[in-house]
Amino acid sequence: MTTTTDRPTGRHQTTREERKVLAGTLAGTTIEWYDFFIYAQAATLVLAPLFLAPVSEDNEGLATVISLATIGISFLFRPLGAIVAGRYGDRLGRKKMLVFTLLLMGASTALIGLLPTYASIGIAAPVLLIVLRVLQGFSAGGEWGGAALMAVEHAPRGRRGLFGAYPGIGVPLGLILATGVLLLMTTLTTPEQFLAWGWRVPFLLSVVLIGVGYVIRRSVEESPVFQEMQQRKRESSAPLRDLFAHNTKQVVLTALVFVANNAAGYLVIAYFIGYGTQTLGLARGPVLTCIVVASVGWLVFTLYGGSLSDRIGRVRTFQIGYALVFVWMIPMFLLVDTANIWLFGIGVLVLTVGLGLSYGPMSAMYAEMFPVAVRYSGVSIGYALGAILGGAFAPAISELLVQETGTGISVGVYMMVLAAISFAAVSMIKETRGADLGVTASDPVR
């Protein structure tokens, strides 16, 4: 018997087991990225005056840059999380590490919601905040790779792109949840109440979401398809040195391919909220609504990008996506800088077309680039390194560019450079669509 990887590529009816795997990966990534993004958005709105009070009172612009930089600090620990989760995910199975990373992310997020501010405990407040953000980064480093492989390794050969897009749409779904909760709290509280306690509610809600995600992910264990993967877990126990001895080029390319998508994505996730409300003077509620609408666009085009890559190839789909990101950057900032909320929303929404097309095929292409023994490690580490080079400090760099130049066009040029780098990197990859993943129940177990 073979896994779904080896099924015919013609018309395929999704099985109950496949639906459970897709539900498990989608639910977990959505909740995990909700936790990760709620911090990024809070950093643009309230964390500077609450946790960096002395700096904020002396230089508000500098405090904003520092607050945005704390978003990036967590990215530095994502490779460590990827190494640990990749090592044990390749040895013990994808699902166990996915449950672990989900619980770790949820606990870190909830504790941020309970954290005293600078006014209460002084310098210990920002220190503890950074520690918890580091734990979030560690968790996120191990999350995406496992979820991507759970979906792709159990997909029919001709639908890997579509199946792999499901953990991918956890990003915009998490963003919709995070932004929607912030929008709700903004609507229900006064500015004073939001600053005093309203910002904590989205963090504390993580406890409920984690409980839901845990139940869904635990149910994946009942799937016969997952049990097949557990039967070959000893085959997937190669040490990390094997990855870099034979697959260094693939790790570097996966990192560079992800750079532009992650950087441009963090404009939507974190930067545009602060830019719209603080720099352009737009009302918080309408700006948050624009981000929710853009997130829906991101979701739709991510699914479409995964499906399109099954038809025309992963590389070609990526190239189209990055070309769209490149050509839209300057027009987008010309629209955004009008400070008209409708043009602001259109500018951000159109960006998500290129974002989705350069994200949807990622799970499938990355899985197809690595042999099974080092696949979890290779995919996770490449993704984490790309995030450091891309989105880690993109909001802080963007804020500095605007402060220095006085225009968002400078941010657009910065993103165009990154888009050119990622376009070149993906063009160096030989088309992977249809590659043999080497996942069969009859494989020998050493």
Protein backbone atom coordinates (compact mmCIF):
# COMPACT_ATOMS: atom_id res chain seq x y z
CA MET A 1 0.00 0.00 0.00
CA THR A 2 1.26 3.48 -0.81
CA THR A 3 0.44 6.85 0.64
CA THR A 4 -1.68 9.43 -1.15
CA THR A 5 1.51 10.72 -2.68
CA ASP A 6 1.44 7.91 -5.22
CA ARG A 7 -2.18 8.10 -6.31
CA PRO A 8 -3.07 8.86 -9.90
CA THR A 9 -3.06 12.52 -10.79
CA GLY A 10 -6.51 12.50 -12.39
CA ARG A 11 -9.79 13.35 -10.72
CA HIS A 12 -9.49 12.71 -6.99
CA GLN A 13 -12.11 12.64 -4.25
CA THR A 14 -10.63 13.92 -1.00
CA THR A 15 -10.79 11.20 1.64
CA ARG A 16 -11.88 11.61 5.24
CA GLU A 17 -8.31 11.09 6.43
CA GLU A 18 -7.00 13.77 4.08
CA ARG A 19 -9.66 16.19 5.28
CA LYS A 20 -8.60 15.55 8.88
CA VAL A 21 -4.96 16.24 8.04
CA LEU A 22 -5.89 19.45 6.22
CA ALA A 23 -8.12 20.55 9.11
CA GLY A 24 -5.39 19.82 11.64
CA THR A 25 -2.70 21.75 9.79
CA LEU A 26 -5.00 24.67 8.97
CA ALA A 27 -6.40 25.04 12.49
CA GLY A 28 -3.01 24.88 14.14
CA THR A 29 -1.26 27.32 11.82
CA THR A 30 -4.18 29.75 11.99
CA ILE A 31 -4.08 29.83 15.78
CA GLU A 32 -0.31 29.89 15.97
CA TRP A 33 -0.07 32.83 13.57
CA TYR A 34 -2.90 34.62 15.37
CA ASP A 35 -0.68 34.54 18.44
CA PHE A 36 2.36 35.69 16.51
CA PHE A 37 0.56 38.50 14.68
CA ILE A 38 -1.36 39.89 17.64
CA TYR A 39 1.99 40.86 19.11
CA ALA A 40 3.15 42.46 15.85
CA GLN A 41 0.02 44.59 15.66
CA ALA A 42 0.12 45.54 19.34
CA ALA A 43 3.74 46.62 18.84
CA THR A 44 2.58 49.22 16.32
CA LEU A 45 -0.22 50.52 18.54
CA VAL A 46 0.43 50.33 22.28
CA LEU A 47 3.58 48.50 23.38
CA ALA A 48 5.93 51.51 23.10
CA PRO A 49 4.20 53.73 25.69
CA LEU A 50 3.42 50.78 27.97
CA PHE A 51 6.76 48.96 28.01
CA LEU A 52 9.20 51.62 26.80
CA ALA A 53 7.76 54.55 28.74
CA PRO A 54 11.00 56.55 29.34
CA VAL A 55 12.03 56.34 25.69
CA SER A 56 8.50 57.07 24.48
CA GLU A 57 8.25 60.18 26.61
CA ASP A 58 11.62 61.47 25.39
CA ASN A 59 11.46 60.43 21.71
CA GLU A 60 8.22 58.88 20.45
CA GLY A 61 9.65 58.09 17.01
CA LEU A 62 12.59 56.17 18.47
CA ALA A 63 10.27 54.27 20.80
CA THR A 64 8.17 53.23 17.80
CA VAL A 65 11.25 51.95 15.97
CA ILE A 66 12.38 49.98 19.05
CA SER A 67 8.91 48.54 19.52
CA LEU A 68 8.84 47.40 15.89
CA ALA A 69 12.35 45.97 16.30
CA THR A 70 11.08 43.68 19.08
CA ILE A 71 9.00 42.00 16.36
CA GLY A 72 12.25 41.05 14.65
CA ILE A 73 14.05 39.82 17.76
CA SER A 74 11.86 36.74 17.86
CA PHE A 75 12.85 35.89 14.28
CA LEU A 76 16.45 35.42 15.38
CA PHE A 77 15.31 32.43 17.43
CA ARG A 78 13.18 30.88 14.71
CA PRO A 79 16.13 28.93 13.25
CA LEU A 80 16.75 27.42 16.70
CA GLY A 81 13.12 26.38 16.89
CA ALA A 82 13.38 25.03 13.36
CA ILE A 83 16.49 23.00 14.25
CA VAL A 84 14.92 21.51 17.39
CA ALA A 85 11.53 20.86 15.81
CA GLY A 86 13.13 19.60 12.61
CA ARG A 87 15.41 17.21 14.47
CA TYR A 88 12.68 15.73 16.64
CA GLY A 89 9.99 16.06 13.98
CA ASP A 90 12.12 13.97 11.65
CA ARG A 91 12.68 11.40 14.42
CA LEU A 92 9.43 11.33 16.39
CA GLY A 93 6.86 12.40 13.82
CA ARG A 94 5.36 15.66 12.57
CA LYS A 95 2.29 15.65 14.79
CA LYS A 96 4.02 15.53 18.19
CA MET A 97 6.12 18.59 17.40
CA LEU A 98 3.09 20.42 16.01
CA VAL A 99 1.23 19.93 19.30
CA PHE A 100 4.29 21.05 21.28
CA THR A 101 4.81 24.23 19.25
CA LEU A 102 1.11 25.06 19.45
CA LEU A 103 1.08 24.83 23.26
CA LEU A 104 4.33 26.76 23.63
CA MET A 105 3.08 29.59 21.43
CA GLY A 106 -0.24 29.76 23.27
CA ALA A 107 1.35 29.88 26.72
CA SER A 108 3.77 32.63 25.67
CA THR A 109 0.99 34.71 24.16
CA ALA A 110 -1.31 34.42 27.17
CA LEU A 111 1.51 35.41 29.53
CA ILE A 112 2.11 38.58 27.51
CA GLY A 113 -1.51 39.46 28.19
CA LEU A 114 -0.83 39.17 31.93
CA LEU A 115 2.50 41.00 31.91
CA PRO A 116 2.85 44.10 34.15
CA THR A 117 3.93 47.27 32.36
CA TYR A 118 6.94 49.53 32.90
CA ALA A 119 4.94 51.67 35.31
CA SER A 120 4.50 48.65 37.60
CA ILE A 121 7.82 46.78 37.54
CA GLY A 122 10.23 49.06 35.68
CA ILE A 123 12.90 47.63 33.38
CA ALA A 124 11.78 44.06 34.15
CA ALA A 125 8.69 44.69 32.01
CA PRO A 126 10.43 45.04 28.62
CA VAL A 127 12.90 42.29 29.56
CA LEU A 128 10.10 39.82 30.28
CA LEU A 129 8.28 40.96 27.15
CA ILE A 130 11.31 40.15 25.02
CA VAL A 131 11.74 36.75 26.71
CA LEU A 132 8.16 35.81 25.91
CA ARG A 133 8.56 37.11 22.36
CA VAL A 134 11.65 34.90 21.98
CA LEU A 135 9.57 31.88 23.01
CA GLN A 136 7.02 32.86 20.38
CA GLY A 137 9.78 32.96 17.79
CA PHE A 138 11.14 29.58 18.86
CA SER A 139 7.67 28.10 18.53
CA ALA A 140 6.99 29.68 15.12
CA GLY A 141 10.28 28.29 13.82
CA GLY A 142 9.06 24.75 14.26
CA GLU A 143 5.46 25.28 13.26
CA TRP A 144 5.35 25.98 9.54
CA GLY A 145 7.63 23.20 8.35
CA GLY A 146 5.75 20.48 10.18
CA ALA A 147 2.36 21.73 9.07
CA ALA A 148 3.50 22.08 5.47
CA LEU A 149 4.86 18.53 5.37
CA MET A 150 1.79 17.06 7.05
CA ALA A 151 -0.30 18.48 4.20
CA VAL A 152 2.03 17.90 1.25
CA GLU A 153 3.22 14.39 2.16
CA HIS A 154 -0.39 13.21 2.31
CA ALA A 155 -1.55 14.89 -0.88
CA PRO A 156 -2.25 13.21 -4.22
CA ARG A 157 0.73 13.83 -6.50
CA GLY A 158 -1.22 16.18 -8.78
CA ARG A 159 -2.70 18.26 -5.91
CA ARG A 160 0.30 18.90 -3.68
CA GLY A 161 0.26 22.61 -4.43
CA LEU A 162 -3.38 22.95 -3.39
CA PHE A 163 -3.00 20.78 -0.28
CA GLY A 164 0.20 22.61 0.67
CA ALA A 165 -1.60 25.93 0.44
CA TYR A 166 -3.80 24.99 3.42
CA PRO A 167 -1.15 25.59 6.10
CA GLY A 168 -0.22 28.64 4.04
CA ILE A 169 -3.66 30.20 4.38
CA GLY A 170 -3.23 29.88 8.14
CA VAL A 171 -1.20 33.10 7.80
CA PRO A 172 -4.01 35.30 6.41
CA LEU A 173 -6.60 33.52 8.56
CA GLY A 174 -4.51 34.21 11.66
CA LEU A 175 -4.18 37.81 10.50
CA ILE A 176 -7.95 38.08 10.02
CA LEU A 177 -8.51 36.78 13.55
CA ALA A 178 -5.88 39.03 15.09
CA THR A 179 -6.99 42.16 13.26
CA GLY A 180 -10.67 41.36 13.78
CA VAL A 181 -10.23 41.02 17.54
CA LEU A 182 -8.26 44.27 17.69
CA LEU A 183 -10.96 45.98 15.63
CA LEU A 184 -13.63 44.67 18.00
CA MET A 185 -11.74 45.88 21.07
CA THR A 186 -11.13 49.26 19.44
CA THR A 187 -14.86 49.57 18.79
CA LEU A 188 -15.94 48.47 22.28
CA THR A 189 -13.46 50.54 24.31
CA THR A 190 -12.39 54.15 24.53
CA PRO A 191 -8.75 54.95 23.65
CA GLU A 192 -8.01 55.21 27.38
CA GLN A 193 -9.63 51.84 28.13
CA PHE A 194 -7.84 50.18 25.22
CA LEU A 195 -4.49 51.42 26.51
CA ALA A 196 -5.32 50.45 30.09
CA TRP A 197 -6.65 46.92 29.57
CA GLY A 198 -8.31 46.42 26.17
CA TRP A 199 -5.08 45.46 24.42
CA ARG A 200 -4.67 42.50 26.80
CA VAL A 201 -7.89 40.75 25.73
CA PRO A 202 -6.61 39.49 22.33
CA PHE A 203 -3.59 37.93 24.06
CA LEU A 204 -5.68 36.22 26.72
CA LEU A 205 -8.11 34.85 24.12
CA SER A 206 -5.24 32.69 22.94
CA VAL A 207 -6.02 30.25 25.77
CA VAL A 208 -9.39 29.43 24.21
CA LEU A 209 -8.01 29.18 20.69
CA ILE A 210 -5.16 26.93 21.76
CA GLY A 211 -7.63 24.56 23.41
CA VAL A 212 -9.59 24.30 20.16
CA GLY A 213 -6.44 23.79 18.09
CA TYR A 214 -5.11 21.16 20.48
CA VAL A 215 -8.28 19.07 20.21
CA ILE A 216 -8.26 19.26 16.41
CA ARG A 217 -4.59 18.40 16.09
CA ARG A 218 -4.83 15.50 18.51
CA SER A 219 -7.53 13.99 16.31
CA VAL A 220 -5.08 13.74 13.40
CA GLU A 221 -3.37 10.89 15.27
CA GLU A 222 -6.36 8.68 14.46
CA SER A 223 -5.72 9.01 10.75
CA PRO A 224 -4.34 5.85 9.09
CA VAL A 225 -2.30 8.10 6.82
CA PHE A 226 -0.56 9.65 9.80
CA GLN A 227 0.06 6.19 11.27
CA GLU A 228 1.85 5.26 8.04
CA MET A 229 4.17 8.19 8.59
CA GLN A 230 4.81 7.11 12.18
CA GLN A 231 5.81 3.65 10.95
CA ARG A 232 8.70 5.16 9.00
CA LYS A 233 9.78 7.69 11.63
CA ARG A 234 13.14 5.99 12.21
CA GLU A 235 13.93 6.48 8.53
CA SER A 236 13.61 10.21 9.09
CA SER A 237 16.18 10.57 11.84
CA ALA A 238 19.22 11.88 9.97
CA PRO A 239 21.34 14.29 12.01
CA LEU A 240 21.53 17.97 11.09
CA ARG A 241 25.03 17.61 9.69
CA ASP A 242 23.60 15.40 6.92
CA LEU A 243 21.37 18.26 5.83
CA PHE A 244 24.23 20.71 5.38
CA ALA A 245 26.57 18.08 3.98
CA HIS A 246 24.31 17.38 1.03
CA ASN A 247 21.59 20.06 0.86
CA THR A 248 23.18 23.41 1.72
CA LYS A 249 22.27 24.86 -1.68
CA GLN A 250 18.61 23.96 -1.19
CA VAL A 251 18.56 25.56 2.27
CA VAL A 252 20.07 28.79 0.91
CA LEU A 253 17.66 28.92 -2.02
CA THR A 254 14.59 28.28 0.14
CA ALA A 255 15.69 31.13 2.42
CA LEU A 256 16.22 33.58 -0.44
CA VAL A 257 12.97 32.61 -2.15
CA PHE A 258 11.02 33.48 1.01
CA VAL A 259 12.72 36.83 1.72
CA ALA A 260 10.51 39.12 -0.37
CA ASN A 261 7.23 37.39 0.45
CA ASN A 262 7.89 37.59 4.16
CA ALA A 263 9.02 41.23 4.07
CA ALA A 264 6.07 42.40 1.97
CA GLY A 265 3.74 40.29 4.09
CA TYR A 266 4.85 42.10 7.23
CA LEU A 267 3.85 45.39 5.65
CA VAL A 268 0.30 44.04 5.71
CA ILE A 269 0.65 42.24 9.03
CA ALA A 270 2.20 45.01 11.10
CA TYR A 271 3.56 48.08 9.36
CA PHE A 272 0.53 49.50 7.54
CA ILE A 273 -1.52 49.70 10.73
CA GLY A 274 0.93 52.06 12.39
CA TYR A 275 1.73 53.85 9.13
CA GLY A 276 -1.93 54.49 8.43
CA THR A 277 -2.90 55.63 11.91
CA GLN A 278 0.21 57.44 13.10
CA THR A 279 1.91 58.74 9.93
CA LEU A 280 -1.13 59.37 7.73
CA GLY A 281 -3.54 60.23 10.55
CA LEU A 282 -6.27 57.80 9.49
CA ALA A 283 -8.74 56.45 12.06
CA ARG A 284 -7.76 53.12 13.61
CA GLY A 285 -11.06 51.34 12.89
CA PRO A 286 -11.11 51.88 9.11
CA VAL A 287 -7.41 50.99 8.83
CA LEU A 288 -7.97 47.71 10.68
CA THR A 289 -10.96 47.01 8.42
CA CYS A 290 -8.73 47.49 5.36
CA ILE A 291 -6.25 44.97 6.78
CA VAL A 292 -9.04 42.42 7.34
CA VAL A 293 -10.21 42.84 3.72
CA ALA A 294 -6.63 42.54 2.45
CA SER A 295 -6.19 39.38 4.53
CA VAL A 296 -9.18 37.83 2.78
CA GLY A 297 -7.54 38.66 -0.54
CA TRP A 298 -4.30 37.09 0.67
CA LEU A 299 -6.18 33.92 1.64
CA VAL A 300 -7.94 33.61 -1.71
CA PHE A 301 -4.81 34.16 -3.80
CA THR A 302 -2.75 31.80 -1.63
CA LEU A 303 -5.20 29.00 -2.36
CA TYR A 304 -5.25 29.96 -6.01
CA GLY A 305 -1.46 30.10 -6.12
CA GLY A 306 -1.17 26.58 -4.73
CA SER A 307 -3.71 25.26 -7.23
CA LEU A 308 -2.13 27.17 -10.13
CA SER A 309 1.27 25.68 -9.33
CA ASP A 310 -0.22 22.20 -9.83
CA ARG A 311 -1.04 23.23 -13.41
CA ILE A 312 1.78 25.49 -14.60
CA GLY A 313 4.53 24.61 -12.11
CA ARG A 314 5.86 25.99 -8.81
CA VAL A 315 8.64 28.13 -10.30
CA ARG A 316 6.45 29.85 -12.88
CA THR A 317 3.78 30.65 -10.27
CA PHE A 318 6.41 32.14 -7.97
CA GLN A 319 7.82 34.23 -10.81
CA ILE A 320 4.42 35.66 -11.65
CA GLY A 321 3.80 36.48 -7.98
CA TYR A 322 7.10 38.26 -7.47
CA ALA A 323 6.77 40.17 -10.74
CA LEU A 324 3.41 41.49 -9.49
CA VAL A 325 4.89 42.45 -6.11
CA PHE A 326 7.73 44.29 -7.86
CA VAL A 327 5.62 46.33 -10.28
CA TRP A 328 2.94 47.20 -7.70
CA MET A 329 5.18 48.64 -4.98
CA ILE A 330 5.49 52.23 -6.25
CA PRO A 331 1.85 52.55 -7.39
CA MET A 332 0.76 51.11 -4.04
CA PHE A 333 2.59 53.72 -1.99
CA LEU A 334 1.35 56.49 -4.28
CA LEU A 335 -2.18 55.38 -3.41
CA VAL A 336 -1.48 54.80 0.29
CA ASP A 337 0.23 58.18 0.73
CA THR A 338 -2.89 60.03 -0.43
CA ALA A 339 -4.24 59.35 3.08
CA ASN A 340 -7.58 58.47 1.49
CA ILE A 341 -8.90 55.37 3.24
CA TRP A 342 -10.43 53.92 0.07
CA LEU A 343 -7.21 54.29 -1.93
CA PHE A 344 -5.28 52.99 1.10
CA GLY A 345 -7.44 49.86 1.11
CA ILE A 346 -7.15 49.32 -2.65
CA GLY A 347 -3.37 49.67 -2.51
CA VAL A 348 -2.97 47.04 0.20
CA LEU A 349 -5.56 44.68 -1.28
CA VAL A 350 -3.91 44.54 -4.72
CA LEU A 351 -0.58 43.73 -3.07
CA THR A 352 -2.07 40.48 -1.78
CA VAL A 353 -2.43 39.13 -5.33
CA GLY A 354 1.34 38.86 -5.66
CA LEU A 355 1.70 37.81 -2.04
CA GLY A 356 -0.68 34.89 -2.49
CA LEU A 357 0.87 33.68 -5.74
CA SER A 358 4.33 33.75 -4.14
CA TYR A 359 3.15 31.92 -1.01
CA GLY A 360 0.63 29.32 -2.15
CA PRO A 361 3.17 27.05 -3.93
CA MET A 362 5.77 27.29 -1.16
CA SER A 363 4.87 24.21 0.90
CA ALA A 364 4.82 21.90 -2.09
CA MET A 365 7.98 23.25 -3.69
CA TYR A 366 9.99 23.19 -0.47
CA ALA A 367 8.89 19.62 0.32
CA GLU A 368 9.83 18.50 -3.17
CA MET A 369 13.31 20.04 -2.87
CA PHE A 370 14.50 17.85 0.05
CA PRO A 371 14.90 14.09 0.56
CA VAL A 372 12.60 12.61 3.19
CA ALA A 373 15.33 12.00 5.79
CA VAL A 374 16.10 15.73 6.21
CA ARG A 375 12.90 17.24 4.83
CA TYR A 376 11.47 18.65 8.10
CA SER A 377 14.83 20.16 9.05
CA GLY A 378 15.55 21.54 5.59
CA VAL A 379 12.14 23.11 5.07
CA SER A 380 11.93 24.57 8.59
CA ILE A 381 15.46 26.01 8.67
CA GLY A 382 15.23 27.48 5.18
CA TYR A 383 11.90 29.09 6.02
CA ALA A 384 13.22 30.48 9.32
CA LEU A 385 16.36 31.94 7.72
CA GLY A 386 14.26 33.55 5.01
CA ALA A 387 12.08 35.13 7.68
CA ILE A 388 15.13 36.67 9.37
CA LEU A 389 16.38 38.15 6.10
CA GLY A 390 12.89 39.21 5.07
CA GLY A 391 10.21 40.18 7.56
CA ALA A 392 12.10 40.17 10.86
CA PHE A 393 13.08 43.82 10.79
CA ALA A 394 11.12 44.96 7.73
CA PRO A 395 8.64 47.03 9.81
CA ALA A 396 11.45 48.73 11.75
CA ILE A 397 13.50 49.35 8.58
CA SER A 398 10.41 50.73 6.85
CA GLU A 399 9.75 53.10 9.75
CA LEU A 400 13.35 54.34 9.65
CA LEU A 401 13.17 54.87 5.89
CA VAL A 402 10.01 56.94 6.20
CA GLN A 403 11.47 58.99 9.06
CA GLU A 404 14.58 59.70 6.98
CA THR A 405 12.95 60.33 3.60
CA GLY A 406 9.48 61.50 4.54
CA THR A 407 7.83 59.25 1.94
CA GLY A 408 6.63 55.67 1.68
CA ILE A 409 8.16 55.43 -1.80
CA SER A 410 11.49 54.62 -0.12
CA VAL A 411 9.85 51.56 1.45
CA GLY A 412 8.55 50.57 -1.98
CA VAL A 413 12.07 50.69 -3.44
CA TYR A 414 13.37 48.58 -0.53
CA MET A 415 10.70 45.95 -1.22
CA MET A 416 11.44 45.99 -4.95
CA VAL A 417 15.07 45.08 -4.24
CA LEU A 418 13.96 42.14 -2.10
CA ALA A 419 11.46 41.04 -4.77
CA ALA A 420 14.25 41.02 -7.37
CA ILE A 421 16.43 38.87 -5.08
CA SER A 422 13.67 36.32 -4.47
CA PHE A 423 12.74 36.27 -8.18
CA ALA A 424 16.35 35.48 -9.06
CA ALA A 425 16.56 32.76 -6.39
CA VAL A 426 13.41 30.94 -7.48
CA SER A 427 14.56 31.14 -11.10
CA MET A 428 17.65 29.12 -10.09
CA ILE A 429 15.48 26.22 -8.91
CA LYS A 430 14.75 23.39 -11.31
CA GLU A 431 11.00 22.82 -11.52
CA THR A 432 9.95 20.42 -8.73
CA ARG A 433 6.32 19.70 -9.62
CA GLY A 434 5.68 15.96 -9.62
CA ALA A 435 8.94 15.07 -7.86
CA ASP A 436 8.96 11.76 -5.99
CA LEU A 437 8.62 12.51 -2.28
CA GLY A 438 9.75 9.01 -1.34
CA VAL A 439 6.93 8.57 1.16
CA THR A 440 5.57 5.02 1.02
CA ALA A 441 4.48 2.58 3.66
CA SER A 442 6.63 -0.09 2.02
CA ASP A 443 9.84 1.91 2.44
CA PRO A 444 12.41 0.03 4.51
CA VAL A 445 12.75 1.11 8.13
CA ARG A 446 16.33 1.09 9.26
